[in-house]
Structures are given as C-alpha cells and as structure tokens.
C-alpha atoms as a PDB file:
ATOM      1  CA  UNK A   1      23.342  -2.283  36.390  1.00  0.00           C
ATOM      2  CA  UNK A   2      22.789   0.676  34.024  1.00  0.00           C
ATOM      3  CA  UNK A   3      26.158   0.131  32.300  1.00  0.00           C
ATOM      4  CA  UNK A   4      25.327  -3.516  31.693  1.00  0.00           C
ATOM      5  CA  UNK A   5      21.924  -2.513  30.297  1.00  0.00           C
ATOM      6  CA  UNK A   6      23.487   0.092  27.977  1.00  0.00           C
ATOM      7  CA  UNK A   7      25.976  -2.462  26.593  1.00  0.00           C
ATOM      8  CA  UNK A   8      23.365  -5.169  26.045  1.00  0.00           C
ATOM      9  CA  UNK A   9      22.391  -5.471  22.376  1.00  0.00           C
ATOM     10  CA  UNK A  10      19.834  -8.271  22.538  1.00  0.00           C
ATOM     11  CA  UNK A  11      16.607  -7.217  20.885  1.00  0.00           C
ATOM     12  CA  UNK A  12      18.312  -4.635  18.675  1.00  0.00           C
ATOM     13  CA  UNK A  13      17.432  -6.564  15.516  1.00  0.00           C
ATOM     14  CA  UNK A  14      13.783  -6.624  16.551  1.00  0.00           C
ATOM     15  CA  UNK A  15      13.785  -2.871  16.980  1.00  0.00           C
ATOM     16  CA  UNK A  16      15.380  -2.462  13.542  1.00  0.00           C
ATOM     17  CA  UNK A  17      12.687  -4.624  11.934  1.00  0.00           C
ATOM     18  CA  UNK A  18       9.897  -2.753  13.716  1.00  0.00           C
ATOM     19  CA  UNK A  19      11.256   0.595  12.509  1.00  0.00           C
ATOM     20  CA  UNK A  20      11.757  -0.717   8.969  1.00  0.00           C
ATOM     21  CA  UNK A  21       8.257  -2.208   8.847  1.00  0.00           C
ATOM     22  CA  UNK A  22       6.713   0.993  10.175  1.00  0.00           C
ATOM     23  CA  UNK A  23       8.555   2.999   7.523  1.00  0.00           C
ATOM     24  CA  UNK A  24       7.327   0.690   4.743  1.00  0.00           C
ATOM     25  CA  UNK A  25       3.743   0.836   5.985  1.00  0.00           C
ATOM     26  CA  UNK A  26       3.941   4.618   6.189  1.00  0.00           C
ATOM     27  CA  UNK A  27       5.325   4.771   2.664  1.00  0.00           C
ATOM     28  CA  UNK A  28       2.525   2.538   1.389  1.00  0.00           C
ATOM     29  CA  UNK A  29      -0.145   4.636   3.083  1.00  0.00           C
ATOM     30  CA  UNK A  30       1.295   7.870   1.738  1.00  0.00           C
ATOM     31  CA  UNK A  31       1.506   6.512  -1.819  1.00  0.00           C
ATOM     32  CA  UNK A  32      -2.071   5.252  -1.600  1.00  0.00           C
ATOM     33  CA  UNK A  33      -3.276   8.624  -0.310  1.00  0.00           C
ATOM     34  CA  UNK A  34      -1.424  10.392  -3.116  1.00  0.00           C
ATOM     35  CA  UNK A  35      -2.863   8.166  -5.865  1.00  0.00           C
ATOM     36  CA  UNK A  36      -6.331   7.560  -4.384  1.00  0.00           C
ATOM     37  CA  UNK A  37      -8.243  10.102  -6.472  1.00  0.00           C
ATOM     38  CA  UNK A  38      -6.741   9.042  -9.790  1.00  0.00           C
ATOM     39  CA  UNK A  39      -7.378   5.370  -8.964  1.00  0.00           C
ATOM     40  CA  UNK A  40     -11.042   5.986  -8.158  1.00  0.00           C
ATOM     41  CA  UNK A  41     -11.692   8.094 -11.273  1.00  0.00           C
ATOM     42  CA  UNK A  42     -10.028   5.499 -13.488  1.00  0.00           C
ATOM     43  CA  UNK A  43     -12.026   2.747 -11.817  1.00  0.00           C
ATOM     44  CA  UNK A  44     -15.263   4.698 -12.308  1.00  0.00           C
ATOM     45  CA  UNK A  45     -14.456   5.298 -15.966  1.00  0.00           C
ATOM     46  CA  UNK A  46     -13.726   1.613 -16.530  1.00  0.00           C
ATOM     47  CA  UNK A  47     -16.931   0.627 -14.747  1.00  0.00           C
ATOM     48  CA  UNK A  48     -19.013   2.945 -16.959  1.00  0.00           C
ATOM     49  CA  UNK A  49     -17.382   1.588 -20.127  1.00  0.00           C
ATOM     50  CA  UNK A  50     -18.012  -2.023 -19.141  1.00  0.00           C
ATOM     51  CA  UNK A  51     -21.542  -1.290 -17.999  1.00  0.00           C
ATOM     52  CA  UNK A  52     -22.539   0.425 -21.272  1.00  0.00           C
ATOM     53  CA  UNK A  53     -20.847  -2.079 -23.579  1.00  0.00           C
ATOM     54  CA  UNK A  54     -23.123  -4.299 -25.655  1.00  0.00           C
ATOM     55  CA  UNK A  55     -22.128  -7.660 -27.041  1.00  0.00           C
ATOM     56  CA  UNK A  56     -23.274  -8.521 -30.541  1.00  0.00           C
ATOM     57  CA  UNK A  57     -24.175 -12.181 -30.949  1.00  0.00           C
ATOM     58  CA  UNK A  58     -24.734 -12.024 -34.701  1.00  0.00           C
ATOM     59  CA  UNK A  59     -22.149 -12.258 -37.434  1.00  0.00           C
ATOM     60  CA  UNK A  60     -22.121  -9.289 -39.841  1.00  0.00           C
END
C-alpha cells in the first residue's frame, strides 16, 4: 500500500500551484514591507500639495 502511495502522482500539480502561489504572495508582502515607508511619505507629500493648491478662476 505504501509503495502504491509513493508512486501515485495525482494532486502533484495542485501542490506545485500552492507552493508557487505562496511564494508569490510572500514576495508581494516583502516588497510592500520594503517600500511601505517611501510610499506613505510620497503619498503624504502629494496630499499636502493638493490640499494647499489654489485654483485661480480669473484670467490674467
């Protein structure tokens, strides 16, 4: 019974996809963690610039 189980390859593709997906999710999380501070400071800077911007409605 153990020999037959060891030779059986059904489900191997599913395991490959699970491992690949887990690796991609881990890569995405690590990249996000690495870039998080620079993304938030850039976002804050952009928010301040847009908040303080005035629109002139007259033609000079």
